[in-house]
Amino acid sequence: MNNEDNIPDEGEVILIDKPLTWTSFDVANKLKRACKFKKIGHAGTLDPLATGLLILCTGKKTKQIDSYQAQEKEYTGTLILGKTTPSIDLETAFDAEFPTTHITPEILEKARVALTGSILQTPPIYSALRVDGERLYKKARRGEEVEIKKRSVEISLFEINAKHFPAIDFRIICSKGTYIRSMVRDFGQLAGSGAYMSALCRTRIGEFELKNAWNLTDFIHQKRVALKLEADE
């Protein structure tokens, strides 16, 4: 047996800026293979079409994943009024169009206020949430209808900028379990229209900020260099 197998893996906390189209699981699996991590997990799933801060823990640090997932999160993004998709983002094709000419700044503000504070929201069917032991997005892709329970979440900040209407830029600070796509869907409905999300970036989890995150390729490179140096010693 290699002596290294007996050395406890104290682990580390890794901040990665998740690339567009990658799943959170893709990032974890890539790091596991490329950096020879024996055990790795991520705290808080990001959709494939979202970018931004992804916290990954290795070794003994994986025991801290739940505590990171429970922390407050911050997002920036853009929603577009007037159209909808089944996934509420651009993963699926447009399925309906709605009027936007009636929407005034007052209507937008009323919708924003309604979605601030303690609210109830229904998670999107295109999500990684498990129902009856299966991910919802798998049921959605088979066209199954599923009853999804509403959940209580806390939206401590919801800022909007309608300068490029019908595109609305937003910034949200929220509790664990908040689905930003649900916020977008509900905002469109409250505005008497429909909406989909065209961009999303997670900028913060608790005290961890995106500005301190690694580019995935850069992290793998520096890790491989460090491993090679250790092997040469």
Protein backbone atom coordinates (compact mmCIF):
# COMPACT_ATOMS: atom_id res chain seq x y z
CA MET A 1 0.00 0.00 0.00
CA ASN A 2 1.23 3.48 -0.88
CA ASN A 3 2.11 5.46 2.26
CA GLU A 4 0.13 8.38 0.85
CA ASP A 5 -3.06 6.32 1.28
CA ASN A 6 -2.60 6.55 5.06
CA ILE A 7 -2.29 10.33 5.10
CA PRO A 8 -5.57 11.99 6.19
CA ASP A 9 -7.04 14.20 3.47
CA GLU A 10 -7.70 17.45 5.34
CA GLY A 11 -9.22 18.84 2.17
CA GLU A 12 -9.65 22.36 0.88
CA VAL A 13 -12.35 24.85 -0.09
CA ILE A 14 -12.14 25.84 -3.76
CA LEU A 15 -13.88 28.82 -5.35
CA ILE A 16 -14.53 28.41 -9.09
CA ASP A 17 -16.20 30.74 -11.57
CA LYS A 18 -18.45 28.15 -13.24
CA PRO A 19 -18.23 28.25 -17.04
CA LEU A 20 -21.36 28.79 -19.12
CA THR A 21 -23.12 25.52 -20.20
CA TRP A 22 -21.25 23.42 -17.61
CA THR A 23 -23.28 21.76 -14.87
CA SER A 24 -22.05 21.98 -11.29
CA PHE A 25 -21.48 18.22 -11.45
CA ASP A 26 -19.35 18.69 -14.60
CA VAL A 27 -17.05 21.04 -12.68
CA ALA A 28 -16.74 18.69 -9.70
CA ASN A 29 -16.03 15.68 -11.93
CA LYS A 30 -13.48 17.61 -14.00
CA LEU A 31 -11.59 18.67 -10.87
CA LYS A 32 -11.72 15.18 -9.40
CA ARG A 33 -10.14 13.65 -12.50
CA ALA A 34 -7.70 16.43 -13.34
CA CYS A 35 -6.48 17.14 -9.81
CA LYS A 36 -6.66 13.60 -8.41
CA PHE A 37 -9.09 14.50 -5.61
CA LYS A 38 -10.34 11.39 -3.83
CA LYS A 39 -13.49 13.10 -2.58
CA ILE A 40 -15.15 16.29 -3.81
CA GLY A 41 -18.56 17.94 -3.65
CA HIS A 42 -20.15 21.29 -4.43
CA ALA A 43 -22.23 23.61 -2.27
CA GLY A 44 -25.26 24.95 -4.11
CA THR A 45 -26.10 23.91 -7.67
CA LEU A 46 -25.91 26.39 -10.53
CA ASP A 47 -27.94 25.80 -13.70
CA PRO A 48 -25.95 25.06 -16.89
CA LEU A 49 -26.82 28.47 -18.35
CA ALA A 50 -25.75 30.31 -15.20
CA THR A 51 -22.21 31.38 -14.41
CA GLY A 52 -20.51 32.57 -11.26
CA LEU A 53 -19.41 31.41 -7.86
CA LEU A 54 -19.35 27.70 -7.19
CA ILE A 55 -17.93 26.47 -3.88
CA LEU A 56 -16.32 23.03 -3.97
CA CYS A 57 -15.00 21.11 -0.99
CA THR A 58 -12.57 18.21 -0.97
CA GLY A 59 -11.56 15.60 1.60
CA LYS A 60 -12.69 16.36 5.15
CA LYS A 61 -13.91 19.80 4.07
CA THR A 62 -16.89 18.10 2.37
CA LYS A 63 -18.43 17.91 5.86
CA GLN A 64 -18.85 21.70 5.66
CA ILE A 65 -20.91 21.67 2.44
CA ASP A 66 -24.27 21.96 4.21
CA SER A 67 -23.11 25.00 6.17
CA TYR A 68 -22.03 26.77 2.97
CA GLN A 69 -25.27 25.88 1.18
CA ALA A 70 -27.27 27.43 4.02
CA GLN A 71 -25.65 30.85 3.62
CA GLU A 72 -27.13 33.93 1.96
CA LYS A 73 -26.58 34.21 -1.80
CA GLU A 74 -26.35 37.10 -4.23
CA TYR A 75 -27.09 37.07 -7.96
CA THR A 76 -27.13 39.46 -10.89
CA GLY A 77 -28.86 38.76 -14.16
CA THR A 78 -31.25 39.80 -16.90
CA LEU A 79 -34.86 38.85 -17.56
CA ILE A 80 -36.78 39.56 -20.76
CA LEU A 81 -40.47 40.38 -20.63
CA GLY A 82 -42.89 39.29 -23.37
CA LYS A 83 -41.90 35.67 -23.96
CA THR A 84 -41.70 32.44 -21.97
CA THR A 85 -39.96 29.10 -22.22
CA PRO A 86 -40.79 25.87 -20.31
CA SER A 87 -37.45 26.03 -18.47
CA ILE A 88 -37.77 29.82 -17.85
CA ASP A 89 -34.33 30.26 -19.45
CA LEU A 90 -32.84 29.58 -22.88
CA GLU A 91 -32.37 25.84 -22.33
CA THR A 92 -35.73 25.29 -24.06
CA ALA A 93 -37.46 27.00 -26.98
CA PHE A 94 -40.01 29.79 -26.67
CA ASP A 95 -43.53 28.52 -26.11
CA ALA A 96 -45.60 31.71 -25.79
CA GLU A 97 -45.61 35.47 -26.37
CA PHE A 98 -47.27 38.14 -24.24
CA PRO A 99 -47.95 41.88 -24.51
CA THR A 100 -45.60 44.38 -22.87
CA THR A 101 -47.00 47.72 -24.10
CA HIS A 102 -49.21 48.04 -21.03
CA ILE A 103 -46.30 47.74 -18.59
CA THR A 104 -45.46 50.96 -16.76
CA PRO A 105 -42.72 51.75 -14.22
CA GLU A 106 -45.43 51.55 -11.55
CA ILE A 107 -46.35 48.00 -12.60
CA LEU A 108 -42.70 46.97 -12.51
CA GLU A 109 -42.24 48.46 -9.06
CA LYS A 110 -45.37 46.76 -7.74
CA ALA A 111 -44.08 43.40 -9.02
CA ARG A 112 -40.68 44.02 -7.47
CA VAL A 113 -42.16 44.86 -4.07
CA ALA A 114 -44.42 41.78 -4.18
CA LEU A 115 -41.35 39.58 -4.61
CA THR A 116 -39.34 41.14 -1.79
CA GLY A 117 -39.27 39.88 1.79
CA SER A 118 -40.70 36.54 2.91
CA ILE A 119 -42.43 34.96 -0.09
CA LEU A 120 -43.76 31.60 -1.22
CA GLN A 121 -42.45 30.29 -4.52
CA THR A 122 -42.88 27.15 -6.58
CA PRO A 123 -39.58 25.67 -7.84
CA PRO A 124 -39.34 25.32 -11.64
CA ILE A 125 -39.96 21.85 -13.02
CA TYR A 126 -36.67 22.14 -14.92
CA SER A 127 -34.58 21.94 -11.74
CA ALA A 128 -32.35 19.51 -9.85
CA LEU A 129 -34.87 19.26 -7.01
CA ARG A 130 -35.77 15.64 -6.23
CA VAL A 131 -39.39 14.45 -6.17
CA ASP A 132 -40.02 10.77 -5.41
CA GLY A 133 -36.27 10.20 -5.61
CA GLU A 134 -35.84 11.62 -9.12
CA ARG A 135 -34.59 14.97 -10.40
CA LEU A 136 -37.46 17.16 -11.59
CA TYR A 137 -35.76 18.03 -14.88
CA LYS A 138 -35.83 14.35 -15.87
CA LYS A 139 -39.59 14.25 -15.34
CA ALA A 140 -39.94 17.52 -17.27
CA ARG A 141 -38.03 16.16 -20.26
CA ARG A 142 -40.42 13.19 -20.37
CA GLY A 143 -43.36 15.60 -20.35
CA GLU A 144 -44.67 14.42 -16.99
CA GLU A 145 -46.90 16.67 -14.91
CA VAL A 146 -45.70 16.90 -11.32
CA GLU A 147 -47.26 18.61 -8.32
CA ILE A 148 -44.55 20.79 -6.79
CA LYS A 149 -45.03 22.19 -3.31
CA LYS A 150 -44.49 25.87 -2.66
CA ARG A 151 -41.63 26.80 -0.35
CA SER A 152 -40.95 29.80 1.82
CA VAL A 153 -37.85 31.83 0.95
CA GLU A 154 -36.47 35.19 2.03
CA ILE A 155 -35.63 37.87 -0.54
CA SER A 156 -33.74 40.53 1.38
CA LEU A 157 -32.98 42.62 -1.72
CA PHE A 158 -34.49 42.76 -5.22
CA GLU A 159 -33.23 45.62 -7.40
CA ILE A 160 -34.32 46.16 -11.02
CA ASN A 161 -33.15 48.39 -13.85
CA ALA A 162 -35.51 48.77 -16.80
CA LYS A 163 -33.26 51.04 -18.86
CA HIS A 164 -33.26 48.50 -21.72
CA PHE A 165 -36.94 47.47 -21.44
CA PRO A 166 -38.29 44.85 -22.13
CA ALA A 167 -34.97 43.58 -20.80
CA ILE A 168 -34.77 44.05 -17.03
CA ASP A 169 -31.42 43.83 -15.26
CA PHE A 170 -31.67 42.68 -11.66
CA ARG A 171 -29.75 42.07 -8.47
CA ILE A 172 -31.08 39.68 -5.83
CA ILE A 173 -29.91 38.75 -2.34
CA CYS A 174 -31.75 35.72 -1.06
CA SER A 175 -31.89 32.78 1.32
CA LYS A 176 -31.04 29.15 0.71
CA GLY A 177 -33.50 27.37 -1.56
CA THR A 178 -34.44 30.37 -3.69
CA TYR A 179 -34.90 29.71 -7.39
CA ILE A 180 -34.09 32.79 -9.43
CA ARG A 181 -35.91 31.38 -12.46
CA SER A 182 -39.04 31.18 -10.31
CA MET A 183 -38.51 34.84 -9.41
CA VAL A 184 -38.33 35.66 -13.13
CA ARG A 185 -41.46 33.63 -13.95
CA ASP A 186 -43.43 35.23 -11.12
CA PHE A 187 -42.20 38.74 -12.02
CA GLY A 188 -43.48 38.31 -15.57
CA GLN A 189 -46.87 37.11 -14.34
CA LEU A 190 -47.18 39.95 -11.82
CA ALA A 191 -46.45 42.39 -14.65
CA GLY A 192 -49.36 40.93 -16.64
CA SER A 193 -47.01 39.38 -19.17
CA GLY A 194 -44.47 36.57 -19.29
CA ALA A 195 -40.72 36.45 -18.81
CA TYR A 196 -37.65 34.31 -19.27
CA MET A 197 -34.11 34.65 -17.94
CA SER A 198 -31.40 35.46 -20.48
CA ALA A 199 -28.44 35.63 -18.08
CA LEU A 200 -27.59 34.81 -14.48
CA CYS A 201 -24.42 35.09 -12.40
CA ARG A 202 -23.95 34.16 -8.75
CA THR A 203 -21.69 36.80 -7.24
CA ARG A 204 -21.59 35.79 -3.58
CA ILE A 205 -22.28 32.99 -1.08
CA GLY A 206 -22.01 34.21 2.50
CA GLU A 207 -18.58 35.86 2.77
CA PHE A 208 -17.24 34.14 -0.36
CA GLU A 209 -17.18 36.44 -3.41
CA LEU A 210 -16.91 35.76 -7.12
CA LYS A 211 -13.99 38.19 -7.46
CA ASN A 212 -11.87 35.71 -5.47
CA ALA A 213 -12.84 32.68 -7.57
CA TRP A 214 -10.54 30.78 -9.94
CA ASN A 215 -11.04 30.30 -13.64
CA LEU A 216 -11.46 26.51 -13.93
CA THR A 217 -8.60 26.02 -16.40
CA ASP A 218 -6.23 28.20 -14.38
CA PHE A 219 -6.97 26.32 -11.16
CA ILE A 220 -6.32 22.94 -12.78
CA HIS A 221 -3.03 24.22 -14.22
CA GLN A 222 -1.73 25.55 -10.90
CA LYS A 223 -2.83 22.39 -9.11
CA ARG A 224 -1.04 20.17 -11.59
CA VAL A 225 2.12 22.25 -11.25
CA ALA A 226 1.92 21.91 -7.45
CA LEU A 227 1.38 18.15 -7.69
CA LYS A 228 4.36 17.80 -10.02
CA LEU A 229 6.57 19.79 -7.66
CA GLU A 230 5.50 17.54 -4.77
CA ALA A 231 6.28 14.44 -6.81
CA ASP A 232 9.74 15.78 -7.71
CA GLU A 233 10.70 16.44 -4.09
